Amino acid sequence: MTTIVRLNKKIYDARRFTDAGFDHYDLFFIDGSTPSDNIVRQFIELSENAEGAVAVHCKGKAFLESKRNEQNQSDTNSELIYLLD
């Protein structure tokens, strides 16, 4: 795992990860809502360009299901790790 993407509210200091050498990104959107096209594009770009697995920190089941479906339809070798609160 090389990258962490936080989709929920800031409840921890990202420096805990960046100081340990991980890439960390905040792409917040309200839980239960649909992320904007911009957030989706950023997430896909981050996922496709990560050098290792991507950990996703979120609360949304709908997001997880949409990402699983998207990954199943994708021909990339990216791996996603989901961290739920």
N, C-alpha and C. Protein backbone atom coordinates (compact mmCIF):
# COMPACT_ATOMS: atom_id res chain seq x y z
N MET A 1 0.86 -1.17 0.00
CA MET A 1 0.00 0.00 0.00
C MET A 1 0.90 1.23 0.00
N THR A 2 0.60 2.14 -0.90
CA THR A 2 1.41 3.36 -1.01
C THR A 2 0.59 4.63 -0.85
N THR A 3 -0.73 4.53 -0.99
CA THR A 3 -1.57 5.72 -1.08
C THR A 3 -2.81 5.55 -0.21
N ILE A 4 -3.17 6.61 0.50
CA ILE A 4 -4.41 6.65 1.27
C ILE A 4 -5.27 7.78 0.73
N VAL A 5 -6.54 7.47 0.47
CA VAL A 5 -7.50 8.48 0.02
C VAL A 5 -8.59 8.56 1.08
N ARG A 6 -8.74 9.72 1.68
CA ARG A 6 -9.77 9.93 2.71
C ARG A 6 -10.95 10.63 2.06
N LEU A 7 -12.12 9.99 2.14
CA LEU A 7 -13.34 10.54 1.54
C LEU A 7 -14.28 11.13 2.58
N ASN A 8 -13.99 10.88 3.84
CA ASN A 8 -14.88 11.37 4.90
C ASN A 8 -14.23 12.56 5.61
N LYS A 9 -14.89 13.03 6.66
CA LYS A 9 -14.40 14.19 7.41
C LYS A 9 -13.04 13.90 8.03
N LYS A 10 -12.29 14.96 8.24
CA LYS A 10 -10.95 14.83 8.82
C LYS A 10 -11.07 14.50 10.31
N ILE A 11 -10.81 13.25 10.64
CA ILE A 11 -10.86 12.82 12.04
C ILE A 11 -9.48 12.37 12.53
N TYR A 12 -8.48 12.46 11.69
CA TYR A 12 -7.10 12.15 12.07
C TYR A 12 -6.18 13.08 11.28
N ASP A 13 -4.96 13.18 11.75
CA ASP A 13 -3.96 14.03 11.12
C ASP A 13 -3.27 13.23 10.01
N ALA A 14 -3.39 13.71 8.78
CA ALA A 14 -2.81 13.02 7.63
C ALA A 14 -1.29 12.87 7.75
N ARG A 15 -0.67 13.72 8.54
CA ARG A 15 0.79 13.63 8.71
C ARG A 15 1.22 12.31 9.31
N ARG A 16 0.32 11.63 10.02
CA ARG A 16 0.65 10.30 10.53
C ARG A 16 1.03 9.37 9.38
N PHE A 17 0.44 9.57 8.23
CA PHE A 17 0.72 8.74 7.06
C PHE A 17 1.83 9.33 6.19
N THR A 18 1.76 10.63 5.95
CA THR A 18 2.77 11.24 5.08
C THR A 18 4.15 11.18 5.72
N ASP A 19 4.22 11.32 7.04
CA ASP A 19 5.50 11.21 7.73
C ASP A 19 6.08 9.80 7.63
N ALA A 20 5.22 8.82 7.43
CA ALA A 20 5.66 7.42 7.28
C ALA A 20 5.93 7.05 5.83
N GLY A 21 5.81 8.04 4.91
CA GLY A 21 6.16 7.80 3.52
C GLY A 21 4.99 7.48 2.59
N PHE A 22 3.77 7.53 3.11
CA PHE A 22 2.59 7.28 2.27
C PHE A 22 2.14 8.57 1.59
N ASP A 23 1.53 8.43 0.44
CA ASP A 23 0.82 9.55 -0.18
C ASP A 23 -0.57 9.60 0.44
N HIS A 24 -1.05 10.80 0.74
CA HIS A 24 -2.37 10.94 1.36
C HIS A 24 -3.14 12.05 0.66
N TYR A 25 -4.39 11.76 0.32
CA TYR A 25 -5.24 12.72 -0.38
C TYR A 25 -6.59 12.81 0.29
N ASP A 26 -7.16 14.01 0.33
CA ASP A 26 -8.51 14.25 0.84
C ASP A 26 -9.42 14.57 -0.33
N LEU A 27 -10.45 13.76 -0.50
CA LEU A 27 -11.47 13.99 -1.54
C LEU A 27 -12.84 13.91 -0.88
N PHE A 28 -13.09 14.79 0.06
CA PHE A 28 -14.30 14.73 0.88
C PHE A 28 -15.57 14.97 0.08
N PHE A 29 -16.57 14.14 0.40
CA PHE A 29 -17.95 14.41 -0.01
C PHE A 29 -18.86 13.85 1.07
N ILE A 30 -20.06 14.36 1.15
CA ILE A 30 -21.00 13.99 2.21
C ILE A 30 -21.42 12.54 2.06
N ASP A 31 -21.31 11.79 3.17
CA ASP A 31 -21.67 10.38 3.16
C ASP A 31 -23.11 10.19 2.70
N GLY A 32 -23.31 9.25 1.82
CA GLY A 32 -24.64 8.97 1.29
C GLY A 32 -24.96 9.77 0.05
N SER A 33 -24.10 10.74 -0.27
CA SER A 33 -24.32 11.55 -1.47
C SER A 33 -23.49 11.00 -2.62
N THR A 34 -23.68 11.57 -3.77
CA THR A 34 -22.91 11.19 -4.94
C THR A 34 -21.72 12.13 -5.07
N PRO A 35 -20.51 11.58 -5.21
CA PRO A 35 -19.36 12.48 -5.37
C PRO A 35 -19.47 13.24 -6.69
N SER A 36 -18.88 14.42 -6.70
CA SER A 36 -18.90 15.23 -7.92
C SER A 36 -18.06 14.54 -8.99
N ASP A 37 -18.27 14.94 -10.24
CA ASP A 37 -17.47 14.40 -11.34
C ASP A 37 -15.99 14.68 -11.11
N ASN A 38 -15.67 15.83 -10.54
CA ASN A 38 -14.29 16.19 -10.26
C ASN A 38 -13.65 15.22 -9.26
N ILE A 39 -14.38 14.90 -8.19
CA ILE A 39 -13.87 13.95 -7.19
C ILE A 39 -13.69 12.58 -7.82
N VAL A 40 -14.63 12.13 -8.61
CA VAL A 40 -14.51 10.82 -9.27
C VAL A 40 -13.29 10.80 -10.18
N ARG A 41 -13.10 11.84 -10.98
CA ARG A 41 -11.93 11.91 -11.87
C ARG A 41 -10.63 11.88 -11.08
N GLN A 42 -10.57 12.67 -10.00
CA GLN A 42 -9.37 12.68 -9.17
C GLN A 42 -9.10 11.31 -8.56
N PHE A 43 -10.15 10.65 -8.07
CA PHE A 43 -9.99 9.34 -7.47
C PHE A 43 -9.47 8.33 -8.49
N ILE A 44 -10.05 8.33 -9.66
CA ILE A 44 -9.61 7.39 -10.70
C ILE A 44 -8.16 7.66 -11.08
N GLU A 45 -7.81 8.93 -11.25
CA GLU A 45 -6.43 9.28 -11.61
C GLU A 45 -5.46 8.84 -10.51
N LEU A 46 -5.79 9.10 -9.25
CA LEU A 46 -4.93 8.68 -8.15
C LEU A 46 -4.77 7.16 -8.13
N SER A 47 -5.87 6.45 -8.30
CA SER A 47 -5.86 4.99 -8.26
C SER A 47 -5.03 4.40 -9.40
N GLU A 48 -5.20 4.96 -10.57
CA GLU A 48 -4.47 4.43 -11.73
C GLU A 48 -2.98 4.75 -11.68
N ASN A 49 -2.60 5.82 -10.99
CA ASN A 49 -1.19 6.23 -10.96
C ASN A 49 -0.46 5.83 -9.68
N ALA A 50 -1.14 5.23 -8.74
CA ALA A 50 -0.49 4.81 -7.50
C ALA A 50 0.49 3.68 -7.81
N GLU A 51 1.62 3.70 -7.12
CA GLU A 51 2.63 2.68 -7.35
C GLU A 51 2.33 1.39 -6.61
N GLY A 52 1.39 1.42 -5.69
CA GLY A 52 0.99 0.23 -4.94
C GLY A 52 -0.50 0.27 -4.71
N ALA A 53 -0.93 -0.52 -3.73
CA ALA A 53 -2.35 -0.57 -3.39
C ALA A 53 -2.81 0.78 -2.84
N VAL A 54 -4.11 1.05 -2.98
CA VAL A 54 -4.72 2.29 -2.50
C VAL A 54 -5.67 1.95 -1.37
N ALA A 55 -5.49 2.59 -0.22
CA ALA A 55 -6.41 2.44 0.90
C ALA A 55 -7.43 3.56 0.81
N VAL A 56 -8.71 3.21 0.92
CA VAL A 56 -9.79 4.19 0.85
C VAL A 56 -10.45 4.27 2.21
N HIS A 57 -10.41 5.46 2.82
CA HIS A 57 -11.02 5.66 4.13
C HIS A 57 -12.33 6.40 3.93
N CYS A 58 -13.43 5.70 4.15
CA CYS A 58 -14.74 6.31 3.95
C CYS A 58 -15.76 5.67 4.86
N LYS A 59 -16.95 6.23 4.85
CA LYS A 59 -18.07 5.68 5.61
C LYS A 59 -19.15 5.13 4.69
N GLY A 60 -19.07 5.41 3.41
CA GLY A 60 -20.18 5.14 2.51
C GLY A 60 -20.19 3.77 1.86
N LYS A 61 -21.22 2.99 2.15
CA LYS A 61 -21.40 1.70 1.49
C LYS A 61 -21.66 1.88 0.00
N ALA A 62 -22.43 2.90 -0.35
CA ALA A 62 -22.75 3.12 -1.77
C ALA A 62 -21.47 3.37 -2.56
N PHE A 63 -20.54 4.13 -1.98
CA PHE A 63 -19.28 4.38 -2.66
C PHE A 63 -18.52 3.06 -2.86
N LEU A 64 -18.46 2.26 -1.81
CA LEU A 64 -17.73 1.00 -1.91
C LEU A 64 -18.30 0.11 -3.00
N GLU A 65 -19.61 0.01 -3.04
CA GLU A 65 -20.24 -0.83 -4.05
C GLU A 65 -19.97 -0.30 -5.44
N SER A 66 -20.03 1.00 -5.63
CA SER A 66 -19.77 1.56 -6.95
C SER A 66 -18.31 1.35 -7.36
N LYS A 67 -17.38 1.46 -6.41
CA LYS A 67 -15.96 1.27 -6.72
C LYS A 67 -15.67 -0.20 -7.03
N ARG A 68 -16.32 -1.11 -6.30
CA ARG A 68 -16.13 -2.55 -6.58
C ARG A 68 -16.62 -2.87 -7.99
N ASN A 69 -17.79 -2.35 -8.34
CA ASN A 69 -18.32 -2.59 -9.68
C ASN A 69 -17.40 -1.99 -10.73
N GLU A 70 -16.92 -0.78 -10.46
CA GLU A 70 -16.02 -0.11 -11.40
C GLU A 70 -14.72 -0.89 -11.56
N GLN A 71 -14.18 -1.37 -10.46
CA GLN A 71 -12.92 -2.12 -10.52
C GLN A 71 -13.12 -3.43 -11.26
N ASN A 72 -14.26 -4.09 -11.05
CA ASN A 72 -14.53 -5.34 -11.75
C ASN A 72 -14.63 -5.14 -13.25
N GLN A 73 -15.05 -3.96 -13.69
CA GLN A 73 -15.19 -3.67 -15.11
C GLN A 73 -13.90 -3.11 -15.70
N SER A 74 -12.94 -2.78 -14.84
CA SER A 74 -11.70 -2.15 -15.29
C SER A 74 -10.67 -3.21 -15.64
N ASP A 75 -9.79 -2.87 -16.56
CA ASP A 75 -8.73 -3.80 -16.92
C ASP A 75 -7.42 -3.43 -16.23
N THR A 76 -7.47 -2.55 -15.23
CA THR A 76 -6.25 -2.18 -14.53
C THR A 76 -5.91 -3.22 -13.48
N ASN A 77 -4.68 -3.19 -13.03
CA ASN A 77 -4.23 -4.10 -12.00
C ASN A 77 -4.19 -3.43 -10.63
N SER A 78 -4.84 -2.28 -10.50
CA SER A 78 -4.84 -1.55 -9.23
C SER A 78 -5.57 -2.33 -8.18
N GLU A 79 -5.10 -2.23 -6.95
CA GLU A 79 -5.74 -2.89 -5.83
C GLU A 79 -6.26 -1.81 -4.90
N LEU A 80 -7.48 -1.96 -4.42
CA LEU A 80 -8.06 -1.00 -3.47
C LEU A 80 -8.28 -1.69 -2.15
N ILE A 81 -7.92 -1.00 -1.08
CA ILE A 81 -8.17 -1.46 0.27
C ILE A 81 -9.12 -0.47 0.90
N TYR A 82 -10.25 -0.95 1.44
CA TYR A 82 -11.25 -0.05 1.99
C TYR A 82 -11.18 -0.05 3.50
N LEU A 83 -11.10 1.12 4.09
CA LEU A 83 -11.09 1.30 5.53
C LEU A 83 -12.39 1.98 5.93
N LEU A 84 -13.21 1.29 6.67
CA LEU A 84 -14.51 1.84 7.04
C LEU A 84 -14.51 2.27 8.49
N ASP A 85 -15.24 3.34 8.79
CA ASP A 85 -15.47 3.75 10.17
C ASP A 85 -16.68 3.06 10.70
